[in-house]
Structures are given as C-alpha cells and as structure tokens.
C-alpha atoms as a PDB file:
ATOM      1  CA  MET A   1       0.000   0.000   0.000  1.00  0.00           C
ATOM      2  CA  SER A   2       2.822   2.410   0.887  1.00  0.00           C
ATOM      3  CA  LEU A   3       2.750   5.927   2.342  1.00  0.00           C
ATOM      4  CA  VAL A   4       3.206   9.242   0.544  1.00  0.00           C
ATOM      5  CA  ILE A   5       3.208  12.401   2.645  1.00  0.00           C
ATOM      6  CA  ASN A   6       3.312  16.069   1.715  1.00  0.00           C
ATOM      7  CA  THR A   7       4.078  19.076   3.882  1.00  0.00           C
ATOM      8  CA  THR A   8       3.523  22.549   2.466  1.00  0.00           C
ATOM      9  CA  THR A   9       5.480  25.349   4.150  1.00  0.00           C
ATOM     10  CA  PRO A  10       6.041  29.051   3.373  1.00  0.00           C
ATOM     11  CA  GLU A  11       9.499  28.155   1.996  1.00  0.00           C
ATOM     12  CA  GLY A  12       8.332  25.371  -0.279  1.00  0.00           C
ATOM     13  CA  ILE A  13       6.645  22.004  -0.690  1.00  0.00           C
ATOM     14  CA  VAL A  14       7.991  18.652   0.520  1.00  0.00           C
ATOM     15  CA  LEU A  15       6.936  15.217  -0.749  1.00  0.00           C
ATOM     16  CA  ALA A  16       8.284  11.946   0.632  1.00  0.00           C
ATOM     17  CA  ALA A  17       7.498   8.303  -0.079  1.00  0.00           C
ATOM     18  CA  ASP A  18       8.644   4.858   0.964  1.00  0.00           C
ATOM     19  CA  SER A  19       9.680   2.190  -1.560  1.00  0.00           C
ATOM     20  CA  ARG A  20       7.667  -0.919  -0.694  1.00  0.00           C
ATOM     21  CA  GLN A  21       5.542  -2.567  -3.352  1.00  0.00           C
ATOM     22  CA  THR A  22       3.051  -5.293  -2.457  1.00  0.00           C
ATOM     23  CA  TYR A  23       0.792  -7.523  -4.530  1.00  0.00           C
ATOM     24  CA  ARG A  24      -1.745 -10.334  -4.200  1.00  0.00           C
ATOM     25  CA  ASN A  25      -0.768 -13.762  -5.470  1.00  0.00           C
ATOM     26  CA  LEU A  26      -3.063 -16.310  -7.130  1.00  0.00           C
ATOM     27  CA  LYS A  27      -4.349 -17.406  -3.706  1.00  0.00           C
ATOM     28  CA  GLY A  28      -5.284 -13.837  -2.841  1.00  0.00           C
ATOM     29  CA  MET A  29      -2.510 -13.518  -0.251  1.00  0.00           C
ATOM     30  CA  ALA A  30      -0.763 -10.155   0.083  1.00  0.00           C
ATOM     31  CA  ARG A  31       2.993 -10.351  -0.380  1.00  0.00           C
ATOM     32  CA  ILE A  32       5.924  -7.929  -0.475  1.00  0.00           C
ATOM     33  CA  GLY A  33       7.204  -7.780  -4.037  1.00  0.00           C
ATOM     34  CA  SER A  34       9.904  -5.122  -3.789  1.00  0.00           C
ATOM     35  CA  ASP A  35      11.458  -2.493  -1.540  1.00  0.00           C
ATOM     36  CA  ASN A  36      12.769  -0.516  -4.521  1.00  0.00           C
ATOM     37  CA  ALA A  37       9.649   0.878  -6.173  1.00  0.00           C
ATOM     38  CA  MET A  38       9.396   4.551  -7.139  1.00  0.00           C
ATOM     39  CA  LYS A  39       6.376   6.368  -5.710  1.00  0.00           C
ATOM     40  CA  LEU A  40       7.377   9.987  -6.478  1.00  0.00           C
ATOM     41  CA  PHE A  41       7.433  11.374 -10.015  1.00  0.00           C
ATOM     42  CA  GLN A  42       8.488  14.777 -11.292  1.00  0.00           C
ATOM     43  CA  ILE A  43       5.871  15.905 -13.827  1.00  0.00           C
ATOM     44  CA  ASN A  44       7.412  19.214 -14.859  1.00  0.00           C
ATOM     45  CA  SER A  45       9.713  21.780 -13.282  1.00  0.00           C
ATOM     46  CA  ARG A  46       7.025  22.866 -10.791  1.00  0.00           C
ATOM     47  CA  ILE A  47       4.874  19.789 -10.029  1.00  0.00           C
ATOM     48  CA  CYS A  48       5.355  16.384  -8.397  1.00  0.00           C
ATOM     49  CA  VAL A  49       3.035  13.391  -8.051  1.00  0.00           C
ATOM     50  CA  GLY A  50       3.068  10.682  -5.378  1.00  0.00           C
ATOM     51  CA  ILE A  51       1.184   7.427  -5.873  1.00  0.00           C
ATOM     52  CA  THR A  52      -0.016   4.628  -3.571  1.00  0.00           C
ATOM     53  CA  GLY A  53      -2.502   1.784  -3.691  1.00  0.00           C
ATOM     54  CA  LEU A  54      -2.790  -0.567  -6.640  1.00  0.00           C
ATOM     55  CA  ALA A  55       0.677  -1.044  -8.127  1.00  0.00           C
ATOM     56  CA  PHE A  56      -0.127  -2.715 -11.461  1.00  0.00           C
ATOM     57  CA  LEU A  57      -2.705  -2.357 -14.211  1.00  0.00           C
ATOM     58  CA  GLU A  58      -3.423  -4.762 -17.036  1.00  0.00           C
ATOM     59  CA  GLU A  59      -2.840  -3.485 -20.563  1.00  0.00           C
ATOM     60  CA  ASP A  60      -3.111  -5.717 -23.627  1.00  0.00           C
ATOM     61  CA  GLY A  61      -3.291  -8.744 -21.336  1.00  0.00           C
ATOM     62  CA  VAL A  62      -0.049  -7.871 -19.503  1.00  0.00           C
ATOM     63  CA  LEU A  63       0.318  -6.431 -15.986  1.00  0.00           C
ATOM     64  CA  LYS A  64       2.292  -3.192 -16.087  1.00  0.00           C
ATOM     65  CA  ASN A  65       3.644  -0.974 -13.313  1.00  0.00           C
ATOM     66  CA  LEU A  66       1.772   2.306 -12.838  1.00  0.00           C
ATOM     67  CA  SER A  67       5.089   4.125 -13.262  1.00  0.00           C
ATOM     68  CA  LYS A  68       4.922   3.221 -16.959  1.00  0.00           C
ATOM     69  CA  PHE A  69       1.718   5.204 -17.408  1.00  0.00           C
ATOM     70  CA  ILE A  70       3.118   8.148 -15.431  1.00  0.00           C
ATOM     71  CA  ASP A  71       6.230   8.178 -17.636  1.00  0.00           C
ATOM     72  CA  GLU A  72       4.075   8.157 -20.782  1.00  0.00           C
ATOM     73  CA  PHE A  73       2.050  11.068 -19.403  1.00  0.00           C
ATOM     74  CA  LYS A  74       5.236  13.034 -18.676  1.00  0.00           C
ATOM     75  CA  ARG A  75       6.289  12.781 -22.312  1.00  0.00           C
ATOM     76  CA  GLY A  76       3.313  14.880 -23.411  1.00  0.00           C
ATOM     77  CA  SER A  77       4.240  17.859 -25.590  1.00  0.00           C
ATOM     78  CA  LYS A  78       2.529  20.497 -23.407  1.00  0.00           C
ATOM     79  CA  ILE A  79       3.428  19.055 -20.011  1.00  0.00           C
ATOM     80  CA  GLU A  80       5.550  22.032 -18.902  1.00  0.00           C
ATOM     81  CA  LYS A  81       2.630  24.446 -19.348  1.00  0.00           C
ATOM     82  CA  LEU A  82       0.236  22.521 -17.102  1.00  0.00           C
ATOM     83  CA  ASP A  83      -0.807  23.865 -13.700  1.00  0.00           C
ATOM     84  CA  VAL A  84      -1.377  21.696 -10.626  1.00  0.00           C
ATOM     85  CA  GLU A  85      -5.134  21.214 -10.992  1.00  0.00           C
ATOM     86  CA  GLU A  86      -4.770  20.435 -14.690  1.00  0.00           C
ATOM     87  CA  VAL A  87      -2.282  17.665 -13.889  1.00  0.00           C
ATOM     88  CA  ALA A  88      -4.630  16.275 -11.218  1.00  0.00           C
ATOM     89  CA  VAL A  89      -7.604  16.225 -13.607  1.00  0.00           C
ATOM     90  CA  LYS A  90      -5.652  14.663 -16.476  1.00  0.00           C
ATOM     91  CA  LEU A  91      -4.084  11.929 -14.321  1.00  0.00           C
ATOM     92  CA  HIS A  92      -7.424  11.154 -12.688  1.00  0.00           C
ATOM     93  CA  SER A  93      -8.981  10.790 -16.141  1.00  0.00           C
ATOM     94  CA  LEU A  94      -6.065   8.673 -17.393  1.00  0.00           C
ATOM     95  CA  PHE A  95      -6.264   6.106 -14.602  1.00  0.00           C
ATOM     96  CA  ASN A  96     -10.064   6.054 -14.657  1.00  0.00           C
ATOM     97  CA  GLU A  97      -9.743   4.935 -18.272  1.00  0.00           C
ATOM     98  CA  LYS A  98      -6.898   2.447 -17.727  1.00  0.00           C
ATOM     99  CA  TYR A  99      -8.329   0.861 -14.562  1.00  0.00           C
ATOM    100  CA  HIS A 100     -11.514  -1.077 -15.392  1.00  0.00           C
ATOM    101  CA  TRP A 101     -12.750  -0.825 -11.829  1.00  0.00           C
ATOM    102  CA  LYS A 102     -16.461  -0.817 -12.679  1.00  0.00           C
ATOM    103  CA  VAL A 103     -16.168  -4.354 -14.029  1.00  0.00           C
ATOM    104  CA  GLN A 104     -14.369  -5.407 -10.855  1.00  0.00           C
ATOM    105  CA  LEU A 105     -17.078  -3.782  -8.734  1.00  0.00           C
ATOM    106  CA  ASP A 106     -19.679  -5.933 -10.494  1.00  0.00           C
ATOM    107  CA  LEU A 107     -17.569  -9.025  -9.798  1.00  0.00           C
ATOM    108  CA  ALA A 108     -17.251  -7.984  -6.142  1.00  0.00           C
ATOM    109  CA  ALA A 109     -21.062  -7.969  -5.822  1.00  0.00           C
ATOM    110  CA  ASP A 110     -21.223 -11.547  -7.119  1.00  0.00           C
ATOM    111  CA  ASN A 111     -18.412 -12.609  -4.777  1.00  0.00           C
ATOM    112  CA  ILE A 112     -20.263 -11.157  -1.769  1.00  0.00           C
ATOM    113  CA  LYS A 113     -23.356 -13.196  -2.601  1.00  0.00           C
ATOM    114  CA  ASN A 114     -21.347 -16.403  -3.069  1.00  0.00           C
ATOM    115  CA  ASP A 115     -19.256 -15.912   0.104  1.00  0.00           C
ATOM    116  CA  LEU A 116     -22.315 -15.283   2.275  1.00  0.00           C
ATOM    117  CA  GLN A 117     -24.063 -18.322   0.860  1.00  0.00           C
ATOM    118  CA  VAL A 118     -21.049 -20.560   1.541  1.00  0.00           C
ATOM    119  CA  LYS A 119     -20.894 -19.275   5.145  1.00  0.00           C
ATOM    120  CA  GLY A 120     -24.574 -19.996   5.691  1.00  0.00           C
ATOM    121  CA  CYS A 121     -25.589 -16.348   5.876  1.00  0.00           C
ATOM    122  CA  GLU A 122     -28.770 -14.811   4.493  1.00  0.00           C
ATOM    123  CA  LEU A 123     -28.247 -11.747   2.319  1.00  0.00           C
ATOM    124  CA  LEU A 124     -30.811  -9.117   3.275  1.00  0.00           C
ATOM    125  CA  LYS A 125     -29.785  -6.153   1.171  1.00  0.00           C
ATOM    126  CA  LEU A 126     -27.107  -5.346  -1.395  1.00  0.00           C
ATOM    127  CA  GLU A 127     -26.793  -1.792  -2.676  1.00  0.00           C
ATOM    128  CA  LYS A 128     -24.197  -0.906  -5.301  1.00  0.00           C
ATOM    129  CA  ASN A 129     -23.235   2.750  -5.031  1.00  0.00           C
ATOM    130  CA  GLN A 130     -21.071   4.804  -7.365  1.00  0.00           C
ATOM    131  CA  PHE A 131     -17.764   3.671  -5.864  1.00  0.00           C
ATOM    132  CA  ASN A 132     -18.567   0.822  -3.429  1.00  0.00           C
ATOM    133  CA  ILE A 133     -21.097  -1.772  -2.311  1.00  0.00           C
ATOM    134  CA  LYS A 134     -23.059  -1.705   0.930  1.00  0.00           C
ATOM    135  CA  PHE A 135     -24.761  -4.870   2.124  1.00  0.00           C
ATOM    136  CA  SER A 136     -26.491  -6.342   5.159  1.00  0.00           C
ATOM    137  CA  PHE A 137     -27.018  -9.977   6.103  1.00  0.00           C
ATOM    138  CA  LYS A 138     -28.171 -12.347   8.828  1.00  0.00           C
ATOM    139  CA  ASN A 139     -25.459 -14.654  10.181  1.00  0.00           C
ATOM    140  CA  PRO A 140     -26.114 -18.338  11.046  1.00  0.00           C
ATOM    141  CA  GLN A 141     -26.707 -17.353  14.693  1.00  0.00           C
ATOM    142  CA  GLY A 142     -29.492 -14.978  13.643  1.00  0.00           C
ATOM    143  CA  GLY A 143     -27.530 -11.759  14.241  1.00  0.00           C
ATOM    144  CA  LEU A 144     -27.751  -8.836  11.835  1.00  0.00           C
ATOM    145  CA  GLU A 145     -24.533  -7.482  10.341  1.00  0.00           C
ATOM    146  CA  GLU A 146     -23.565  -4.845   7.795  1.00  0.00           C
ATOM    147  CA  GLY A 147     -20.585  -4.507   5.473  1.00  0.00           C
ATOM    148  CA  VAL A 148     -18.987  -2.285   2.843  1.00  0.00           C
ATOM    149  CA  ALA A 149     -16.911  -3.647  -0.033  1.00  0.00           C
ATOM    150  CA  GLY A 150     -15.040  -2.103  -2.916  1.00  0.00           C
ATOM    151  CA  VAL A 151     -12.074  -2.579  -5.215  1.00  0.00           C
ATOM    152  CA  ASP A 152      -8.399  -1.793  -4.664  1.00  0.00           C
ATOM    153  CA  MET A 153      -7.883   1.954  -5.001  1.00  0.00           C
ATOM    154  CA  ILE A 154      -5.280   4.045  -6.805  1.00  0.00           C
ATOM    155  CA  GLU A 155      -4.421   7.189  -4.841  1.00  0.00           C
ATOM    156  CA  LEU A 156      -2.487  10.181  -6.160  1.00  0.00           C
ATOM    157  CA  LEU A 157      -1.128  13.228  -4.361  1.00  0.00           C
ATOM    158  CA  VAL A 158      -0.439  16.058  -6.815  1.00  0.00           C
ATOM    159  CA  ALA A 159       1.469  19.049  -5.422  1.00  0.00           C
ATOM    160  CA  GLY A 160       3.345  22.015  -6.786  1.00  0.00           C
ATOM    161  CA  TYR A 161       3.333  25.595  -7.997  1.00  0.00           C
ATOM    162  CA  ASN A 162       1.254  27.106 -10.761  1.00  0.00           C
ATOM    163  CA  LYS A 163       2.699  29.362 -13.437  1.00  0.00           C
ATOM    164  CA  ASN A 164       1.448  32.431 -11.537  1.00  0.00           C
ATOM    165  CA  GLY A 165       3.383  31.422  -8.395  1.00  0.00           C
ATOM    166  CA  SER A 166       0.434  30.118  -6.359  1.00  0.00           C
ATOM    167  CA  HIS A 167       0.630  26.608  -4.896  1.00  0.00           C
ATOM    168  CA  GLN A 168      -1.905  23.791  -4.638  1.00  0.00           C
ATOM    169  CA  VAL A 169      -2.178  20.177  -3.475  1.00  0.00           C
ATOM    170  CA  PHE A 170      -4.813  17.736  -4.750  1.00  0.00           C
ATOM    171  CA  GLY A 171      -5.724  14.187  -3.758  1.00  0.00           C
ATOM    172  CA  CYS A 172      -7.036  11.946  -6.546  1.00  0.00           C
ATOM    173  CA  TYR A 173      -8.873   8.679  -5.889  1.00  0.00           C
ATOM    174  CA  ILE A 174      -9.653   6.016  -8.478  1.00  0.00           C
ATOM    175  CA  PRO A 175     -12.372   4.946  -8.037  1.00  0.00           C
ATOM    176  CA  GLY A 176     -13.427   8.199  -6.423  1.00  0.00           C
ATOM    177  CA  GLU A 177     -13.093  11.911  -6.908  1.00  0.00           C
ATOM    178  CA  ILE A 178     -10.536  14.728  -6.835  1.00  0.00           C
ATOM    179  CA  GLN A 179     -10.193  16.612  -3.540  1.00  0.00           C
ATOM    180  CA  LYS A 180      -8.401  19.902  -3.016  1.00  0.00           C
ATOM    181  CA  ARG A 181      -6.074  19.521  -0.016  1.00  0.00           C
ATOM    182  CA  ARG A 182      -4.144  22.809  -0.049  1.00  0.00           C
ATOM    183  CA  ASP A 183      -4.407  26.149  -1.861  1.00  0.00           C
ATOM    184  CA  SER A 184      -2.388  29.342  -1.319  1.00  0.00           C
ATOM    185  CA  ASN A 185      -5.470  31.368  -2.242  1.00  0.00           C
ATOM    186  CA  ASP A 186      -7.647  29.759   0.457  1.00  0.00           C
ATOM    187  CA  LYS A 187      -7.360  31.499   3.812  1.00  0.00           C
ATOM    188  CA  ASN A 188      -6.200  29.143   6.602  1.00  0.00           C
ATOM    189  CA  ASN A 189      -5.559  26.390   4.044  1.00  0.00           C
ATOM    190  CA  GLU A 190      -2.219  27.558   2.648  1.00  0.00           C
ATOM    191  CA  TYR A 191       0.077  25.356   4.742  1.00  0.00           C
ATOM    192  CA  GLY A 192      -0.141  21.941   6.341  1.00  0.00           C
ATOM    193  CA  SER A 193       0.361  18.235   5.759  1.00  0.00           C
ATOM    194  CA  SER A 194      -1.521  15.660   3.688  1.00  0.00           C
ATOM    195  CA  TRP A 195      -0.948  11.939   3.191  1.00  0.00           C
ATOM    196  CA  ILE A 196      -2.234   8.992   1.161  1.00  0.00           C
ATOM    197  CA  GLY A 197      -1.811   5.239   1.553  1.00  0.00           C
ATOM    198  CA  GLN A 198      -1.371   3.560   4.932  1.00  0.00           C
ATOM    199  CA  GLY A 199      -1.831   6.715   6.948  1.00  0.00           C
ATOM    200  CA  ASP A 200      -3.279   5.213  10.126  1.00  0.00           C
ATOM    201  CA  VAL A 201      -0.089   5.744  12.176  1.00  0.00           C
ATOM    202  CA  VAL A 202       0.300   9.335  10.954  1.00  0.00           C
ATOM    203  CA  SER A 203      -3.357  10.004  11.737  1.00  0.00           C
ATOM    204  CA  ARG A 204      -2.992   8.613  15.256  1.00  0.00           C
ATOM    205  CA  ILE A 205       0.081  10.747  15.886  1.00  0.00           C
ATOM    206  CA  VAL A 206      -1.121  14.025  14.354  1.00  0.00           C
ATOM    207  CA  LEU A 207      -4.913  13.842  14.642  1.00  0.00           C
ATOM    208  CA  GLY A 208      -5.121  11.697  17.780  1.00  0.00           C
ATOM    209  CA  PHE A 209      -7.151   8.900  16.128  1.00  0.00           C
ATOM    210  CA  ASP A 210      -7.391   7.025  12.851  1.00  0.00           C
ATOM    211  CA  GLY A 211     -10.405   6.704  10.582  1.00  0.00           C
ATOM    212  CA  ARG A 212     -11.304   3.236  11.823  1.00  0.00           C
ATOM    213  CA  ILE A 213     -12.637   4.774  15.028  1.00  0.00           C
ATOM    214  CA  SER A 214     -15.986   5.056  13.227  1.00  0.00           C
ATOM    215  CA  ASN A 215     -16.156   1.220  13.212  1.00  0.00           C
ATOM    216  CA  VAL A 216     -16.023   1.001  17.015  1.00  0.00           C
ATOM    217  CA  GLN A 217     -19.460   0.267  18.431  1.00  0.00           C
ATOM    218  CA  TYR A 218     -19.276   3.020  21.044  1.00  0.00           C
ATOM    219  CA  THR A 219     -18.469   5.576  18.338  1.00  0.00           C
ATOM    220  CA  LYS A 220     -21.264   4.269  16.108  1.00  0.00           C
ATOM    221  CA  GLU A 221     -23.762   4.741  18.943  1.00  0.00           C
ATOM    222  CA  ALA A 222     -22.468   8.252  19.661  1.00  0.00           C
ATOM    223  CA  MET A 223     -22.735   9.187  15.987  1.00  0.00           C
ATOM    224  CA  GLY A 224     -26.287   7.848  15.893  1.00  0.00           C
ATOM    225  CA  ILE A 225     -27.237  10.101  18.806  1.00  0.00           C
ATOM    226  CA  ARG A 226     -25.230  13.257  18.121  1.00  0.00           C
ATOM    227  CA  GLY A 227     -24.459  12.962  14.425  1.00  0.00           C
ATOM    228  CA  GLU A 228     -21.258  11.989  12.637  1.00  0.00           C
ATOM    229  CA  GLN A 229     -20.115  15.556  11.972  1.00  0.00           C
ATOM    230  CA  GLN A 230     -20.388  16.634  15.615  1.00  0.00           C
ATOM    231  CA  ILE A 231     -18.411  13.614  16.819  1.00  0.00           C
ATOM    232  CA  PHE A 232     -15.592  14.273  14.355  1.00  0.00           C
ATOM    233  CA  ASP A 233     -15.622  17.972  15.225  1.00  0.00           C
ATOM    234  CA  GLU A 234     -15.068  17.038  18.879  1.00  0.00           C
ATOM    235  CA  LEU A 235     -12.346  14.537  17.984  1.00  0.00           C
ATOM    236  CA  LYS A 236     -10.456  17.363  16.253  1.00  0.00           C
ATOM    237  CA  ASN A 237      -9.618  18.637  19.749  1.00  0.00           C
ATOM    238  CA  LEU A 238      -7.113  15.757  19.954  1.00  0.00           C
ATOM    239  CA  GLU A 239      -5.079  17.046  16.994  1.00  0.00           C
ATOM    240  CA  TYR A 240      -1.589  18.314  17.762  1.00  0.00           C
ATOM    241  CA  ALA A 241      -1.298  22.091  17.404  1.00  0.00           C
ATOM    242  CA  ILE A 242       1.442  22.308  14.782  1.00  0.00           C
ATOM    243  CA  GLN A 243       2.264  25.766  13.490  1.00  0.00           C
ATOM    244  CA  TRP A 244       2.647  24.831   9.828  1.00  0.00           C
ATOM    245  CA  GLY A 245       3.004  28.478   8.792  1.00  0.00           C
ATOM    246  CA  THR A 246       6.229  28.842  10.808  1.00  0.00           C
ATOM    247  CA  MET A 247       7.768  25.582   9.595  1.00  0.00           C
ATOM    248  CA  THR A 248      10.974  25.773   7.542  1.00  0.00           C
ATOM    249  CA  LEU A 249      11.622  23.609   4.523  1.00  0.00           C
ATOM    250  CA  GLN A 250      14.080  21.492   6.539  1.00  0.00           C
ATOM    251  CA  ASP A 251      11.443  21.038   9.244  1.00  0.00           C
ATOM    252  CA  GLY A 252       9.049  19.823   6.551  1.00  0.00           C
ATOM    253  CA  ILE A 253      11.595  17.263   5.351  1.00  0.00           C
ATOM    254  CA  ASP A 254      12.198  16.081   8.919  1.00  0.00           C
ATOM    255  CA  PHE A 255       8.465  15.772   9.604  1.00  0.00           C
ATOM    256  CA  CYS A 256       7.702  13.778   6.437  1.00  0.00           C
ATOM    257  CA  THR A 257      10.581  11.350   6.886  1.00  0.00           C
ATOM    258  CA  LEU A 258       9.784  10.890  10.591  1.00  0.00           C
ATOM    259  CA  MET A 259       6.194   9.909   9.793  1.00  0.00           C
ATOM    260  CA  ILE A 260       7.302   7.319   7.218  1.00  0.00           C
ATOM    261  CA  GLN A 261      10.011   5.907   9.501  1.00  0.00           C
ATOM    262  CA  THR A 262       7.573   5.694  12.424  1.00  0.00           C
ATOM    263  CA  THR A 263       4.931   3.968  10.294  1.00  0.00           C
ATOM    264  CA  SER A 264       7.464   1.415   9.045  1.00  0.00           C
ATOM    265  CA  ALA A 265       8.686   0.748  12.615  1.00  0.00           C
ATOM    266  CA  MET A 266       5.155   0.376  13.996  1.00  0.00           C
ATOM    267  CA  GLN A 267       4.213  -2.052  11.241  1.00  0.00           C
ATOM    268  CA  ARG A 268       7.287  -4.096  12.096  1.00  0.00           C
ATOM    269  CA  PHE A 269       6.089  -4.623  15.668  1.00  0.00           C
ATOM    270  CA  SER A 270       2.327  -4.861  15.101  1.00  0.00           C
ATOM    271  CA  ASP A 271      -0.088  -7.125  13.275  1.00  0.00           C
ATOM    272  CA  GLY A 272      -2.933  -4.789  12.446  1.00  0.00           C
ATOM    273  CA  ILE A 273      -5.324  -3.763  15.227  1.00  0.00           C
ATOM    274  CA  ASN A 274      -7.347  -5.922  17.602  1.00  0.00           C
ATOM    275  CA  ALA A 275     -10.530  -5.240  15.634  1.00  0.00           C
ATOM    276  CA  ASP A 276      -8.846  -6.115  12.324  1.00  0.00           C
ATOM    277  CA  PRO A 277      -5.657  -8.188  12.780  1.00  0.00           C
ATOM    278  CA  GLY A 278      -3.358  -9.366  10.013  1.00  0.00           C
ATOM    279  CA  ASP A 279      -2.599  -6.069   8.264  1.00  0.00           C
ATOM    280  CA  MET A 280       0.107  -6.055   5.590  1.00  0.00           C
ATOM    281  CA  PRO A 281       3.326  -4.178   6.544  1.00  0.00           C
ATOM    282  CA  GLY A 282       3.148  -2.145   3.374  1.00  0.00           C
ATOM    283  CA  VAL A 283       5.544   0.675   4.288  1.00  0.00           C
ATOM    284  CA  GLY A 284       9.298   0.075   4.070  1.00  0.00           C
ATOM    285  CA  GLY A 285      12.502   0.410   2.109  1.00  0.00           C
ATOM    286  CA  PRO A 286      14.408   3.631   1.305  1.00  0.00           C
ATOM    287  CA  ILE A 287      12.642   6.982   1.577  1.00  0.00           C
ATOM    288  CA  ASP A 288      12.624   9.242  -1.481  1.00  0.00           C
ATOM    289  CA  VAL A 289      12.291  12.958  -0.776  1.00  0.00           C
ATOM    290  CA  ALA A 290      11.682  15.847  -3.170  1.00  0.00           C
ATOM    291  CA  VAL A 291      11.103  19.550  -2.599  1.00  0.00           C
ATOM    292  CA  ILE A 292       9.591  22.237  -4.797  1.00  0.00           C
ATOM    293  CA  THR A 293      10.288  25.923  -4.216  1.00  0.00           C
ATOM    294  CA  PRO A 294       9.048  29.032  -6.049  1.00  0.00           C
ATOM    295  CA  ASN A 295      12.568  29.955  -7.186  1.00  0.00           C
ATOM    296  CA  LYS A 296      14.348  26.631  -7.764  1.00  0.00           C
ATOM    297  CA  GLY A 297      11.377  24.497  -8.778  1.00  0.00           C
ATOM    298  CA  PHE A 298      11.612  20.715  -8.360  1.00  0.00           C
ATOM    299  CA  VAL A 299      14.714  19.318  -6.612  1.00  0.00           C
ATOM    300  CA  TRP A 300      15.479  15.773  -5.434  1.00  0.00           C
ATOM    301  CA  ILE A 301      16.753  15.665  -1.835  1.00  0.00           C
ATOM    302  CA  ASN A 302      17.068  11.893  -1.782  1.00  0.00           C
ATOM    303  CA  LYS A 303      16.385   9.459  -4.611  1.00  0.00           C
ATOM    304  CA  LYS A 304      17.095   5.764  -5.055  1.00  0.00           C
ATOM    305  CA  LYS A 305      19.723   4.865  -7.629  1.00  0.00           C
ATOM    306  CA  LEU A 306      20.456   1.690  -9.541  1.00  0.00           C
ATOM    307  CA  LYS A 307      23.300  -0.198  -7.856  1.00  0.00           C
ATOM    308  CA  PHE A 308      25.725  -2.978  -8.557  1.00  0.00           C
ATOM    309  CA  GLY A 309      28.610  -3.431  -6.187  1.00  0.00           C
ATOM    310  CA  SER A 310      30.101  -0.008  -5.569  1.00  0.00           C
ATOM    311  CA  ASN A 311      28.570   1.469  -8.734  1.00  0.00           C
ATOM    312  CA  GLU A 312      25.516   3.710  -8.564  1.00  0.00           C
ATOM    313  CA  VAL A 313      23.625   5.201 -11.530  1.00  0.00           C
ATOM    314  CA  ASP A 314      20.775   7.686 -11.705  1.00  0.00           C
ATOM    315  CA  LEU A 315      18.955   7.404 -15.045  1.00  0.00           C
ATOM    316  CA  ASP A 316      17.391  10.879 -14.751  1.00  0.00           C
END
C-alpha cells in the first residue's frame, strides 16, 4: 500500500514516499514484491506526483507498473505548461480509463453473494453505489450485520506551484473523486500536511485517532445520537497544534521522513489492530524525498539509484 506524505510550508513544498511494493498472489494472499519501487514522479519543473494503492494495471493482457503510465504522461508535448489542478484532472482521467474498476465492482457484488451463501448467511440487502457496495445480512446465529466492499484503489497526491506562483495540493482517488487539499489562495488552508496510503499511524500521531474509530461500536452509537459531523468535530480537539506556517523547509523534510520511519517501525512490531488483525506491513525500504520551491522548482533531496557493487547510476 505504501505511504506518501506532503508538507507545504512558506518556503516550499515537501513530498516523501517509501519504496515498498506489495501484490496479491493467485491465492489472494498479500505479499511484499519489492522495496525498490518509485512512488514519487516529477511531472514538470514545478509539479510532483506521489502514488499509492494498486501497483499494477493490465494493458493488452499484460500487468504493467503504474510508473509506466506516469512516464508516458510526462512525455506529453505540453506538459511544462500545465498547472497543478490540470495535472490532477488529467491523471485522474487517465487512470479512470486504464483501470476497469467498474467491471471489478460488479464481480465484487457476485463474490459477496457467493461468500455469504457458503458461510450460511442470508443476504438481506445489497446496494451498489457509485464507488462501493453496501450490504447487510443475517449470520447463522441470527444476528444482523452490515458490510462495505469495494475494489483496490489508486491514490495520487499532486502538489506544486502554478505558473502564476500560487501553490496547490490535490488528492485523486480512483475509483473516487478529486479533492483539493491545499491552496495558497484559500485562507487558513495555505500550509499543512496531507498523506495517502497507509496513513493510520500518521493520523494517530497528528490527529489523535485514525479513521477506523468510526467502526467502534461506542463511536457508532455516539454518531447515531449526536451525528457523525459533531463527533468528528469534537475529535479534532485531539489534533496536535502544529504551526505549519512557521515551519521551515528542513522542518518539513524532517516531519515527512519521521512519519514514514515511524509507520514502518510500527508495522514491524504490530499485526494490524485488535478489531482487524493481520494487516500487511506495506511501508518500508528507502525513503525518497523531493522539494519544490518558487525559485528553484523541483529538486530531489534523496532518490534511489540503480546499484551494482560499488557502482551507482541515476537514469534521470
């Protein structure tokens, strides 16, 4: 799954990513395929993209790394003229076309029906929404349960400077939508941190909780009484008060790398959470770091190289 994290400061933008690449084998088991995958890509002199989630897409009957499609996109003739939002929209459209997720969502609905039947459960309701499937069923003991299913997601974090000097950060989700994360023209939203991938450890550290808190029965009951929005508004009081607007570029680098290192270390010692054990340690390997500044543009701070013995080569 991996982790890509961005921190936007007054001095510039930082993006960092781990290098682990996982996949599912023919038995459906998650395995670590590599600790040398690239997750950060320079698009032009002002914009960078980080990618997590599904690592391969099928094209002409052959599985191909998502980096191939990013590289093809970068070779476009007008790529240098694109602004941040334009890159986000074009990449979202590209992967929506390449990833036939709607077909897989239909297959997921059939699999839910078959799995419940094998387990002796009675399917009560199955509702296919735009991006996922919600269902309810009665288990063999007569208890009522609910579930949500979907397909593996591709997540993109697009960050950089526009031609006019303003900066923006967008999150792209396939299947899903484009979300604006940061914008220099939005008051109180100029600076801060955003992440995609396995962000549960980062969320627990920075926000004080991770998104799975909504699956805890006590939280469900509280949301039913007081409403989901009010509960999350109150949980925001747990967030660390970080003064992003005073952070230097070096501080941003230190913060991003610390979050990835901490996530990797926590995954080493844990096996998911008690409510959902057996999580894949999807964050690991070397950390790539890039910065983008208004004056210098895109600069690699740390980037994996090809190695053999004492020889190292950077193909860029």
